Amino acid sequence: MRSRKSEVRSQKLNFKKLVIVFLLFTIHCSLFTIVFASDKWQGVDESVIEKYAKEHGREVKEPLINTDQGDLLLFVFLLAGAVGGFAAGYYWRILMVEKAPKINKQEQSITG
């Protein structure tokens, strides 16, 4: 009976050690990203497109629909997913169950 209690204690101690190591690792990773967050990588727009636009005498313009502000980009993806889901649901039988009717070669030669 004594050995079972010591085994349970050692398992609890090992679990606590594992949780502490995980928390320390998480804190370390979050601090690591904060330290290097100031070194922002340039995107394709800034590094390539703007460079060639300036070489050819064109000015950088603000986009017609600026998706960098708020959740507009997420809303656009939501709408696209809803439209795609509606279309797939509407044509589900044709897409998955029924096959598109095959056109005979004779019908093609007559019509084409």
PDB file of N, CA and C in Angstrom:
ATOM      1  N   MET A   1       0.815  -1.187   0.000  1.00  0.00           N
ATOM      2  CA  MET A   1       0.000   0.000   0.000  1.00  0.00           C
ATOM      3  C   MET A   1       0.857   1.249   0.000  1.00  0.00           C
ATOM      4  N   ARG A   2       1.940   1.178   0.680  1.00  0.00           N
ATOM      5  CA  ARG A   2       2.844   2.326   0.773  1.00  0.00           C
ATOM      6  C   ARG A   2       3.456   2.664  -0.588  1.00  0.00           C
ATOM      7  N   SER A   3       3.785   1.661  -1.337  1.00  0.00           N
ATOM      8  CA  SER A   3       4.406   1.894  -2.644  1.00  0.00           C
ATOM      9  C   SER A   3       3.423   2.530  -3.627  1.00  0.00           C
ATOM     10  N   ARG A   4       2.159   2.191  -3.508  1.00  0.00           N
ATOM     11  CA  ARG A   4       1.142   2.777  -4.390  1.00  0.00           C
ATOM     12  C   ARG A   4       1.015   4.281  -4.136  1.00  0.00           C
ATOM     13  N   LYS A   5       1.048   4.702  -2.863  1.00  0.00           N
ATOM     14  CA  LYS A   5       0.963   6.119  -2.537  1.00  0.00           C
ATOM     15  C   LYS A   5       2.182   6.867  -3.056  1.00  0.00           C
ATOM     16  N   SER A   6       3.334   6.292  -2.921  1.00  0.00           N
ATOM     17  CA  SER A   6       4.543   6.952  -3.414  1.00  0.00           C
ATOM     18  C   SER A   6       4.541   7.026  -4.939  1.00  0.00           C
ATOM     19  N   GLU A   7       3.951   6.014  -5.575  1.00  0.00           N
ATOM     20  CA  GLU A   7       3.863   6.022  -7.030  1.00  0.00           C
ATOM     21  C   GLU A   7       2.923   7.138  -7.502  1.00  0.00           C
ATOM     22  N   VAL A   8       1.805   7.319  -6.805  1.00  0.00           N
ATOM     23  CA  VAL A   8       0.853   8.375  -7.143  1.00  0.00           C
ATOM     24  C   VAL A   8       1.492   9.733  -6.924  1.00  0.00           C
ATOM     25  N   ARG A   9       2.237   9.889  -5.829  1.00  0.00           N
ATOM     26  CA  ARG A   9       2.923  11.151  -5.561  1.00  0.00           C
ATOM     27  C   ARG A   9       3.949  11.460  -6.644  1.00  0.00           C
ATOM     28  N   SER A  10       4.684  10.468  -7.061  1.00  0.00           N
ATOM     29  CA  SER A  10       5.698  10.702  -8.101  1.00  0.00           C
ATOM     30  C   SER A  10       5.044  11.055  -9.435  1.00  0.00           C
ATOM     31  N   GLN A  11       3.880  10.443  -9.720  1.00  0.00           N
ATOM     32  CA  GLN A  11       3.165  10.789 -10.946  1.00  0.00           C
ATOM     33  C   GLN A  11       2.661  12.233 -10.891  1.00  0.00           C
ATOM     34  N   LYS A  12       2.154  12.658  -9.728  1.00  0.00           N
ATOM     35  CA  LYS A  12       1.688  14.031  -9.568  1.00  0.00           C
ATOM     36  C   LYS A  12       2.852  15.001  -9.703  1.00  0.00           C
ATOM     37  N   LEU A  13       3.986  14.632  -9.121  1.00  0.00           N
ATOM     38  CA  LEU A  13       5.172  15.479  -9.202  1.00  0.00           C
ATOM     39  C   LEU A  13       5.661  15.592 -10.645  1.00  0.00           C
ATOM     40  N   ASN A  14       5.650  14.470 -11.365  1.00  0.00           N
ATOM     41  CA  ASN A  14       6.055  14.490 -12.776  1.00  0.00           C
ATOM     42  C   ASN A  14       5.095  15.338 -13.605  1.00  0.00           C
ATOM     43  N   PHE A  15       3.800  15.259 -13.301  1.00  0.00           N
ATOM     44  CA  PHE A  15       2.819  16.065 -14.018  1.00  0.00           C
ATOM     45  C   PHE A  15       3.046  17.548 -13.750  1.00  0.00           C
ATOM     46  N   LYS A  16       3.306  17.891 -12.496  1.00  0.00           N
ATOM     47  CA  LYS A  16       3.567  19.290 -12.155  1.00  0.00           C
ATOM     48  C   LYS A  16       4.816  19.797 -12.859  1.00  0.00           C
ATOM     49  N   LYS A  17       5.847  18.975 -12.918  1.00  0.00           N
ATOM     50  CA  LYS A  17       7.074  19.361 -13.617  1.00  0.00           C
ATOM     51  C   LYS A  17       6.798  19.586 -15.102  1.00  0.00           C
ATOM     52  N   LEU A  18       6.000  18.706 -15.680  1.00  0.00           N
ATOM     53  CA  LEU A  18       5.663  18.829 -17.096  1.00  0.00           C
ATOM     54  C   LEU A  18       4.882  20.116 -17.361  1.00  0.00           C
ATOM     55  N   VAL A  19       3.941  20.439 -16.487  1.00  0.00           N
ATOM     56  CA  VAL A  19       3.147  21.668 -16.644  1.00  0.00           C
ATOM     57  C   VAL A  19       4.048  22.893 -16.509  1.00  0.00           C
ATOM     58  N   ILE A  20       4.961  22.881 -15.557  1.00  0.00           N
ATOM     59  CA  ILE A  20       5.870  24.006 -15.364  1.00  0.00           C
ATOM     60  C   ILE A  20       6.769  24.183 -16.582  1.00  0.00           C
ATOM     61  N   VAL A  21       7.311  23.085 -17.099  1.00  0.00           N
ATOM     62  CA  VAL A  21       8.157  23.171 -18.295  1.00  0.00           C
ATOM     63  C   VAL A  21       7.359  23.704 -19.473  1.00  0.00           C
ATOM     64  N   PHE A  22       6.123  23.244 -19.642  1.00  0.00           N
ATOM     65  CA  PHE A  22       5.283  23.717 -20.742  1.00  0.00           C
ATOM     66  C   PHE A  22       5.003  25.213 -20.611  1.00  0.00           C
ATOM     67  N   LEU A  23       4.680  25.662 -19.404  1.00  0.00           N
ATOM     68  CA  LEU A  23       4.416  27.088 -19.198  1.00  0.00           C
ATOM     69  C   LEU A  23       5.666  27.928 -19.453  1.00  0.00           C
ATOM     70  N   LEU A  24       6.814  27.469 -18.976  1.00  0.00           N
ATOM     71  CA  LEU A  24       8.056  28.200 -19.236  1.00  0.00           C
ATOM     72  C   LEU A  24       8.363  28.265 -20.735  1.00  0.00           C
ATOM     73  N   PHE A  25       8.136  27.169 -21.430  1.00  0.00           N
ATOM     74  CA  PHE A  25       8.364  27.146 -22.873  1.00  0.00           C
ATOM     75  C   PHE A  25       7.423  28.117 -23.586  1.00  0.00           C
ATOM     76  N   THR A  26       6.164  28.144 -23.165  1.00  0.00           N
ATOM     77  CA  THR A  26       5.187  29.060 -23.760  1.00  0.00           C
ATOM     78  C   THR A  26       5.579  30.511 -23.520  1.00  0.00           C
ATOM     79  N   ILE A  27       5.988  30.829 -22.307  1.00  0.00           N
ATOM     80  CA  ILE A  27       6.424  32.194 -21.995  1.00  0.00           C
ATOM     81  C   ILE A  27       7.658  32.554 -22.815  1.00  0.00           C
ATOM     82  N   HIS A  28       8.578  31.625 -22.925  1.00  0.00           N
ATOM     83  CA  HIS A  28       9.793  31.874 -23.708  1.00  0.00           C
ATOM     84  C   HIS A  28       9.447  32.166 -25.168  1.00  0.00           C
ATOM     85  N   CYS A  29       8.576  31.359 -25.751  1.00  0.00           N
ATOM     86  CA  CYS A  29       8.200  31.567 -27.159  1.00  0.00           C
ATOM     87  C   CYS A  29       7.479  32.891 -27.359  1.00  0.00           C
ATOM     88  N   SER A  30       6.603  33.248 -26.430  1.00  0.00           N
ATOM     89  CA  SER A  30       5.883  34.511 -26.579  1.00  0.00           C
ATOM     90  C   SER A  30       6.840  35.694 -26.441  1.00  0.00           C
ATOM     91  N   LEU A  31       7.788  35.621 -25.530  1.00  0.00           N
ATOM     92  CA  LEU A  31       8.768  36.697 -25.397  1.00  0.00           C
ATOM     93  C   LEU A  31       9.674  36.758 -26.615  1.00  0.00           C
ATOM     94  N   PHE A  32      10.008  35.617 -27.166  1.00  0.00           N
ATOM     95  CA  PHE A  32      10.851  35.562 -28.358  1.00  0.00           C
ATOM     96  C   PHE A  32      10.178  36.270 -29.524  1.00  0.00           C
ATOM     97  N   THR A  33       8.870  36.068 -29.699  1.00  0.00           N
ATOM     98  CA  THR A  33       8.160  36.729 -30.798  1.00  0.00           C
ATOM     99  C   THR A  33       8.003  38.216 -30.547  1.00  0.00           C
ATOM    100  N   ILE A  34       7.862  38.621 -29.294  1.00  0.00           N
ATOM    101  CA  ILE A  34       7.731  40.046 -28.978  1.00  0.00           C
ATOM    102  C   ILE A  34       9.036  40.779 -29.278  1.00  0.00           C
ATOM    103  N   VAL A  35      10.147  40.155 -28.973  1.00  0.00           N
ATOM    104  CA  VAL A  35      11.450  40.786 -29.190  1.00  0.00           C
ATOM    105  C   VAL A  35      11.687  41.028 -30.669  1.00  0.00           C
ATOM    106  N   PHE A  36      11.341  40.056 -31.508  1.00  0.00           N
ATOM    107  CA  PHE A  36      11.617  40.178 -32.927  1.00  0.00           C
ATOM    108  C   PHE A  36      10.435  40.685 -33.742  1.00  0.00           C
ATOM    109  N   ALA A  37       9.369  41.117 -33.096  1.00  0.00           N
ATOM    110  CA  ALA A  37       8.199  41.613 -33.814  1.00  0.00           C
ATOM    111  C   ALA A  37       8.474  42.950 -34.487  1.00  0.00           C
ATOM    112  N   SER A  38       9.464  43.689 -34.014  1.00  0.00           N
ATOM    113  CA  SER A  38       9.758  44.977 -34.627  1.00  0.00           C
ATOM    114  C   SER A  38      10.391  44.818 -36.009  1.00  0.00           C
ATOM    115  N   ASP A  39      11.013  43.669 -36.264  1.00  0.00           N
ATOM    116  CA  ASP A  39      11.609  43.404 -37.573  1.00  0.00           C
ATOM    117  C   ASP A  39      10.539  42.845 -38.500  1.00  0.00           C
ATOM    118  N   LYS A  40       9.682  43.734 -38.989  1.00  0.00           N
ATOM    119  CA  LYS A  40       8.573  43.307 -39.833  1.00  0.00           C
ATOM    120  C   LYS A  40       9.091  42.936 -41.220  1.00  0.00           C
ATOM    121  N   TRP A  41       8.667  41.789 -41.699  1.00  0.00           N
ATOM    122  CA  TRP A  41       9.055  41.369 -43.035  1.00  0.00           C
ATOM    123  C   TRP A  41       8.189  42.101 -44.048  1.00  0.00           C
ATOM    124  N   GLN A  42       8.812  42.490 -45.124  1.00  0.00           N
ATOM    125  CA  GLN A  42       8.047  43.168 -46.166  1.00  0.00           C
ATOM    126  C   GLN A  42       7.317  42.135 -47.000  1.00  0.00           C
ATOM    127  N   GLY A  43       6.124  42.506 -47.415  1.00  0.00           N
ATOM    128  CA  GLY A  43       5.354  41.623 -48.269  1.00  0.00           C
ATOM    129  C   GLY A  43       5.703  41.855 -49.728  1.00  0.00           C
ATOM    130  N   VAL A  44       5.049  41.136 -50.606  1.00  0.00           N
ATOM    131  CA  VAL A  44       5.300  41.250 -52.040  1.00  0.00           C
ATOM    132  C   VAL A  44       4.937  42.637 -52.535  1.00  0.00           C
ATOM    133  N   ASP A  45       3.863  43.207 -51.997  1.00  0.00           N
ATOM    134  CA  ASP A  45       3.447  44.542 -52.426  1.00  0.00           C
ATOM    135  C   ASP A  45       4.549  45.563 -52.181  1.00  0.00           C
ATOM    136  N   GLU A  46       5.130  45.522 -50.983  1.00  0.00           N
ATOM    137  CA  GLU A  46       6.136  46.519 -50.630  1.00  0.00           C
ATOM    138  C   GLU A  46       7.474  46.251 -51.296  1.00  0.00           C
ATOM    139  N   SER A  47       7.880  45.007 -51.375  1.00  0.00           N
ATOM    140  CA  SER A  47       9.229  44.711 -51.852  1.00  0.00           C
ATOM    141  C   SER A  47       9.338  44.625 -53.368  1.00  0.00           C
ATOM    142  N   VAL A  48       8.287  44.206 -54.045  1.00  0.00           N
ATOM    143  CA  VAL A  48       8.394  44.000 -55.492  1.00  0.00           C
ATOM    144  C   VAL A  48       7.556  45.005 -56.274  1.00  0.00           C
ATOM    145  N   ILE A  49       6.269  45.045 -56.009  1.00  0.00           N
ATOM    146  CA  ILE A  49       5.366  45.848 -56.825  1.00  0.00           C
ATOM    147  C   ILE A  49       5.663  47.334 -56.684  1.00  0.00           C
ATOM    148  N   GLU A  50       5.828  47.809 -55.445  1.00  0.00           N
ATOM    149  CA  GLU A  50       6.116  49.228 -55.245  1.00  0.00           C
ATOM    150  C   GLU A  50       7.454  49.614 -55.853  1.00  0.00           C
ATOM    151  N   LYS A  51       8.418  48.719 -55.798  1.00  0.00           N
ATOM    152  CA  LYS A  51       9.739  48.990 -56.374  1.00  0.00           C
ATOM    153  C   LYS A  51       9.630  49.231 -57.878  1.00  0.00           C
ATOM    154  N   TYR A  52       8.936  48.335 -58.572  1.00  0.00           N
ATOM    155  CA  TYR A  52       8.811  48.488 -60.022  1.00  0.00           C
ATOM    156  C   TYR A  52       7.885  49.640 -60.388  1.00  0.00           C
ATOM    157  N   ALA A  53       6.895  49.910 -59.565  1.00  0.00           N
ATOM    158  CA  ALA A  53       6.013  51.048 -59.832  1.00  0.00           C
ATOM    159  C   ALA A  53       6.790  52.352 -59.744  1.00  0.00           C
ATOM    160  N   LYS A  54       7.659  52.480 -58.770  1.00  0.00           N
ATOM    161  CA  LYS A  54       8.473  53.700 -58.636  1.00  0.00           C
ATOM    162  C   LYS A  54       9.472  53.820 -59.782  1.00  0.00           C
ATOM    163  N   GLU A  55      10.024  52.690 -60.239  1.00  0.00           N
ATOM    164  CA  GLU A  55      10.957  52.724 -61.370  1.00  0.00           C
ATOM    165  C   GLU A  55      10.284  53.236 -62.633  1.00  0.00           C
ATOM    166  N   HIS A  56       9.003  52.955 -62.791  1.00  0.00           N
ATOM    167  CA  HIS A  56       8.278  53.359 -63.994  1.00  0.00           C
ATOM    168  C   HIS A  56       7.454  54.618 -63.786  1.00  0.00           C
ATOM    169  N   GLY A  57       7.698  55.322 -62.684  1.00  0.00           N
ATOM    170  CA  GLY A  57       7.069  56.619 -62.471  1.00  0.00           C
ATOM    171  C   GLY A  57       5.637  56.582 -61.997  1.00  0.00           C
ATOM    172  N   ARG A  58       5.195  55.496 -61.424  1.00  0.00           N
ATOM    173  CA  ARG A  58       3.827  55.402 -60.917  1.00  0.00           C
ATOM    174  C   ARG A  58       3.838  55.592 -59.410  1.00  0.00           C
ATOM    175  N   GLU A  59       2.810  56.227 -58.884  1.00  0.00           N
ATOM    176  CA  GLU A  59       2.696  56.452 -57.447  1.00  0.00           C
ATOM    177  C   GLU A  59       1.878  55.331 -56.805  1.00  0.00           C
ATOM    178  N   VAL A  60       2.147  55.094 -55.560  1.00  0.00           N
ATOM    179  CA  VAL A  60       1.390  54.106 -54.805  1.00  0.00           C
ATOM    180  C   VAL A  60       0.046  54.713 -54.420  1.00  0.00           C
ATOM    181  N   LYS A  61      -1.030  53.980 -54.685  1.00  0.00           N
ATOM    182  CA  LYS A  61      -2.376  54.448 -54.360  1.00  0.00           C
ATOM    183  C   LYS A  61      -2.976  53.551 -53.289  1.00  0.00           C
ATOM    184  N   GLU A  62      -3.916  54.110 -52.566  1.00  0.00           N
ATOM    185  CA  GLU A  62      -4.680  53.313 -51.604  1.00  0.00           C
ATOM    186  C   GLU A  62      -5.620  52.404 -52.391  1.00  0.00           C
ATOM    187  N   PRO A  63      -5.850  51.191 -51.921  1.00  0.00           N
ATOM    188  CA  PRO A  63      -6.766  50.303 -52.639  1.00  0.00           C
ATOM    189  C   PRO A  63      -8.197  50.821 -52.597  1.00  0.00           C
ATOM    190  N   LEU A  64      -8.973  50.436 -53.576  1.00  0.00           N
ATOM    191  CA  LEU A  64     -10.363  50.864 -53.650  1.00  0.00           C
ATOM    192  C   LEU A  64     -11.150  50.370 -52.437  1.00  0.00           C
ATOM    193  N   ILE A  65     -10.947  49.102 -52.086  1.00  0.00           N
ATOM    194  CA  ILE A  65     -11.557  48.530 -50.886  1.00  0.00           C
ATOM    195  C   ILE A  65     -10.415  48.103 -49.983  1.00  0.00           C
ATOM    196  N   ASN A  66     -10.208  48.835 -48.912  1.00  0.00           N
ATOM    197  CA  ASN A  66      -9.097  48.544 -48.009  1.00  0.00           C
ATOM    198  C   ASN A  66      -9.515  47.461 -47.032  1.00  0.00           C
ATOM    199  N   THR A  67      -8.965  46.256 -47.227  1.00  0.00           N
ATOM    200  CA  THR A  67      -9.330  45.120 -46.377  1.00  0.00           C
ATOM    201  C   THR A  67      -8.442  45.010 -45.151  1.00  0.00           C
ATOM    202  N   ASP A  68      -7.516  45.939 -44.952  1.00  0.00           N
ATOM    203  CA  ASP A  68      -6.638  45.886 -43.799  1.00  0.00           C
ATOM    204  C   ASP A  68      -7.306  46.422 -42.538  1.00  0.00           C
ATOM    205  N   GLN A  69      -8.411  47.076 -42.692  1.00  0.00           N
ATOM    206  CA  GLN A  69      -9.071  47.693 -41.541  1.00  0.00           C
ATOM    207  C   GLN A  69     -10.193  46.786 -41.044  1.00  0.00           C
ATOM    208  N   GLY A  70     -10.142  46.450 -39.780  1.00  0.00           N
ATOM    209  CA  GLY A  70     -11.213  45.667 -39.170  1.00  0.00           C
ATOM    210  C   GLY A  70     -11.294  44.261 -39.708  1.00  0.00           C
ATOM    211  N   ASP A  71     -12.508  43.738 -39.731  1.00  0.00           N
ATOM    212  CA  ASP A  71     -12.731  42.360 -40.149  1.00  0.00           C
ATOM    213  C   ASP A  71     -13.373  42.282 -41.526  1.00  0.00           C
ATOM    214  N   LEU A  72     -13.103  43.242 -42.370  1.00  0.00           N
ATOM    215  CA  LEU A  72     -13.711  43.251 -43.694  1.00  0.00           C
ATOM    216  C   LEU A  72     -13.274  42.044 -44.513  1.00  0.00           C
ATOM    217  N   LEU A  73     -11.994  41.681 -44.435  1.00  0.00           N
ATOM    218  CA  LEU A  73     -11.501  40.543 -45.199  1.00  0.00           C
ATOM    219  C   LEU A  73     -12.172  39.252 -44.725  1.00  0.00           C
ATOM    220  N   LEU A  74     -12.365  39.104 -43.428  1.00  0.00           N
ATOM    221  CA  LEU A  74     -13.068  37.932 -42.910  1.00  0.00           C
ATOM    222  C   LEU A  74     -14.513  37.893 -43.388  1.00  0.00           C
ATOM    223  N   PHE A  75     -15.138  39.063 -43.445  1.00  0.00           N
ATOM    224  CA  PHE A  75     -16.512  39.130 -43.927  1.00  0.00           C
ATOM    225  C   PHE A  75     -16.596  38.735 -45.395  1.00  0.00           C
ATOM    226  N   VAL A  76     -15.624  39.161 -46.190  1.00  0.00           N
ATOM    227  CA  VAL A  76     -15.609  38.797 -47.608  1.00  0.00           C
ATOM    228  C   VAL A  76     -15.453  37.286 -47.760  1.00  0.00           C
ATOM    229  N   PHE A  77     -14.571  36.670 -46.975  1.00  0.00           N
ATOM    230  CA  PHE A  77     -14.417  35.220 -47.033  1.00  0.00           C
ATOM    231  C   PHE A  77     -15.684  34.513 -46.552  1.00  0.00           C
ATOM    232  N   LEU A  78     -16.368  35.074 -45.564  1.00  0.00           N
ATOM    233  CA  LEU A  78     -17.622  34.508 -45.102  1.00  0.00           C
ATOM    234  C   LEU A  78     -18.657  34.521 -46.217  1.00  0.00           C
ATOM    235  N   LEU A  79     -18.766  35.640 -46.921  1.00  0.00           N
ATOM    236  CA  LEU A  79     -19.721  35.725 -48.027  1.00  0.00           C
ATOM    237  C   LEU A  79     -19.375  34.748 -49.142  1.00  0.00           C
ATOM    238  N   ALA A  80     -18.089  34.654 -49.475  1.00  0.00           N
ATOM    239  CA  ALA A  80     -17.675  33.724 -50.529  1.00  0.00           C
ATOM    240  C   ALA A  80     -17.971  32.282 -50.126  1.00  0.00           C
ATOM    241  N   GLY A  81     -17.723  31.946 -48.868  1.00  0.00           N
ATOM    242  CA  GLY A  81     -18.027  30.598 -48.387  1.00  0.00           C
ATOM    243  C   GLY A  81     -19.515  30.315 -48.400  1.00  0.00           C
ATOM    244  N   ALA A  82     -20.317  31.309 -48.049  1.00  0.00           N
ATOM    245  CA  ALA A  82     -21.767  31.133 -48.054  1.00  0.00           C
ATOM    246  C   ALA A  82     -22.284  30.925 -49.479  1.00  0.00           C
ATOM    247  N   VAL A  83     -21.782  31.698 -50.416  1.00  0.00           N
ATOM    248  CA  VAL A  83     -22.213  31.549 -51.814  1.00  0.00           C
ATOM    249  C   VAL A  83     -21.768  30.197 -52.362  1.00  0.00           C
ATOM    250  N   GLY A  84     -20.516  29.824 -52.080  1.00  0.00           N
ATOM    251  CA  GLY A  84     -20.019  28.522 -52.538  1.00  0.00           C
ATOM    252  C   GLY A  84     -20.767  27.368 -51.901  1.00  0.00           C
ATOM    253  N   GLY A  85     -21.079  27.491 -50.612  1.00  0.00           N
ATOM    254  CA  GLY A  85     -21.835  26.445 -49.929  1.00  0.00           C
ATOM    255  C   GLY A  85     -23.258  26.335 -50.459  1.00  0.00           C
ATOM    256  N   PHE A  86     -23.865  27.465 -50.755  1.00  0.00           N
ATOM    257  CA  PHE A  86     -25.213  27.433 -51.322  1.00  0.00           C
ATOM    258  C   PHE A  86     -25.199  26.761 -52.690  1.00  0.00           C
ATOM    259  N   ALA A  87     -24.222  27.112 -53.520  1.00  0.00           N
ATOM    260  CA  ALA A  87     -24.148  26.519 -54.860  1.00  0.00           C
ATOM    261  C   ALA A  87     -23.885  25.019 -54.773  1.00  0.00           C
ATOM    262  N   ALA A  88     -22.962  24.608 -53.902  1.00  0.00           N
ATOM    263  CA  ALA A  88     -22.673  23.182 -53.766  1.00  0.00           C
ATOM    264  C   ALA A  88     -23.885  22.439 -53.210  1.00  0.00           C
ATOM    265  N   GLY A  89     -24.610  23.033 -52.269  1.00  0.00           N
ATOM    266  CA  GLY A  89     -25.801  22.398 -51.733  1.00  0.00           C
ATOM    267  C   GLY A  89     -26.915  22.294 -52.754  1.00  0.00           C
ATOM    268  N   TYR A  90     -27.053  23.328 -53.564  1.00  0.00           N
ATOM    269  CA  TYR A  90     -28.111  23.345 -54.572  1.00  0.00           C
ATOM    270  C   TYR A  90     -27.859  22.281 -55.644  1.00  0.00           C
ATOM    271  N   TYR A  91     -26.609  22.111 -56.028  1.00  0.00           N
ATOM    272  CA  TYR A  91     -26.262  21.160 -57.075  1.00  0.00           C
ATOM    273  C   TYR A  91     -25.674  19.867 -56.504  1.00  0.00           C
ATOM    274  N   TRP A  92     -25.952  19.555 -55.234  1.00  0.00           N
ATOM    275  CA  TRP A  92     -25.359  18.386 -54.588  1.00  0.00           C
ATOM    276  C   TRP A  92     -25.690  17.094 -55.323  1.00  0.00           C
ATOM    277  N   ARG A  93     -26.934  16.934 -55.715  1.00  0.00           N
ATOM    278  CA  ARG A  93     -27.347  15.712 -56.382  1.00  0.00           C
ATOM    279  C   ARG A  93     -26.605  15.528 -57.697  1.00  0.00           C
ATOM    280  N   ILE A  94     -26.452  16.598 -58.436  1.00  0.00           N
ATOM    281  CA  ILE A  94     -25.754  16.510 -59.714  1.00  0.00           C
ATOM    282  C   ILE A  94     -24.264  16.260 -59.492  1.00  0.00           C
ATOM    283  N   LEU A  95     -23.697  16.905 -58.457  1.00  0.00           N
ATOM    284  CA  LEU A  95     -22.268  16.752 -58.205  1.00  0.00           C
ATOM    285  C   LEU A  95     -21.908  15.366 -57.685  1.00  0.00           C
ATOM    286  N   MET A  96     -22.705  14.812 -56.781  1.00  0.00           N
ATOM    287  CA  MET A  96     -22.307  13.593 -56.089  1.00  0.00           C
ATOM    288  C   MET A  96     -23.109  12.349 -56.473  1.00  0.00           C
ATOM    289  N   VAL A  97     -24.402  12.487 -56.669  1.00  0.00           N
ATOM    290  CA  VAL A  97     -25.235  11.306 -56.871  1.00  0.00           C
ATOM    291  C   VAL A  97     -25.421  11.022 -58.355  1.00  0.00           C
ATOM    292  N   GLU A  98     -26.003  11.953 -59.030  1.00  0.00           N
ATOM    293  CA  GLU A  98     -26.258  11.761 -60.458  1.00  0.00           C
ATOM    294  C   GLU A  98     -25.026  12.183 -61.240  1.00  0.00           C
ATOM    295  N   LYS A  99     -24.809  11.533 -62.306  1.00  0.00           N
ATOM    296  CA  LYS A  99     -23.712  11.929 -63.186  1.00  0.00           C
ATOM    297  C   LYS A  99     -24.272  12.810 -64.294  1.00  0.00           C
ATOM    298  N   ALA A 100     -23.443  13.688 -64.782  1.00  0.00           N
ATOM    299  CA  ALA A 100     -23.880  14.546 -65.877  1.00  0.00           C
ATOM    300  C   ALA A 100     -24.177  13.656 -67.081  1.00  0.00           C
ATOM    301  N   PRO A 101     -25.209  13.976 -67.819  1.00  0.00           N
ATOM    302  CA  PRO A 101     -25.556  13.132 -68.968  1.00  0.00           C
ATOM    303  C   PRO A 101     -24.441  13.149 -70.009  1.00  0.00           C
ATOM    304  N   LYS A 102     -24.097  11.948 -70.475  1.00  0.00           N
ATOM    305  CA  LYS A 102     -23.046  11.838 -71.489  1.00  0.00           C
ATOM    306  C   LYS A 102     -23.650  12.071 -72.859  1.00  0.00           C
ATOM    307  N   ILE A 103     -22.927  12.806 -73.652  1.00  0.00           N
ATOM    308  CA  ILE A 103     -23.392  13.122 -75.007  1.00  0.00           C
ATOM    309  C   ILE A 103     -22.814  12.074 -75.950  1.00  0.00           C
ATOM    310  N   ASN A 104     -23.678  11.492 -76.721  1.00  0.00           N
ATOM    311  CA  ASN A 104     -23.212  10.500 -77.700  1.00  0.00           C
ATOM    312  C   ASN A 104     -22.443  11.177 -78.818  1.00  0.00           C
ATOM    313  N   LYS A 105     -21.525  10.431 -79.407  1.00  0.00           N
ATOM    314  CA  LYS A 105     -20.727  10.987 -80.499  1.00  0.00           C
ATOM    315  C   LYS A 105     -21.602  11.322 -81.705  1.00  0.00           C
ATOM    316  N   GLN A 106     -22.670  10.560 -81.908  1.00  0.00           N
ATOM    317  CA  GLN A 106     -23.565  10.835 -83.034  1.00  0.00           C
ATOM    318  C   GLN A 106     -24.290  12.151 -82.820  1.00  0.00           C
ATOM    319  N   GLU A 107     -24.723  12.429 -81.604  1.00  0.00           N
ATOM    320  CA  GLU A 107     -25.397  13.694 -81.319  1.00  0.00           C
ATOM    321  C   GLU A 107     -24.440  14.871 -81.497  1.00  0.00           C
ATOM    322  N   GLN A 108     -23.171  14.660 -81.155  1.00  0.00           N
ATOM    323  CA  GLN A 108     -22.194  15.725 -81.341  1.00  0.00           C
ATOM    324  C   GLN A 108     -21.981  16.042 -82.810  1.00  0.00           C
ATOM    325  N   SER A 109     -21.927  14.984 -83.634  1.00  0.00           N
ATOM    326  CA  SER A 109     -21.684  15.217 -85.046  1.00  0.00           C
ATOM    327  C   SER A 109     -22.889  15.883 -85.713  1.00  0.00           C
ATOM    328  N   ILE A 110     -24.093  15.593 -85.221  1.00  0.00           N
ATOM    329  CA  ILE A 110     -25.291  16.190 -85.786  1.00  0.00           C
ATOM    330  C   ILE A 110     -25.370  17.659 -85.408  1.00  0.00           C
ATOM    331  N   THR A 111     -25.124  17.973 -84.125  1.00  0.00           N
ATOM    332  CA  THR A 111     -25.262  19.345 -83.677  1.00  0.00           C
ATOM    333  C   THR A 111     -24.027  20.153 -83.980  1.00  0.00           C
ATOM    334  N   GLY A 112     -22.870  19.546 -84.046  1.00  0.00           N
ATOM    335  CA  GLY A 112     -21.643  20.300 -84.188  1.00  0.00           C
ATOM    336  C   GLY A 112     -21.138  20.238 -85.535  1.00  0.00           C
TER     337      GLY A 112
END
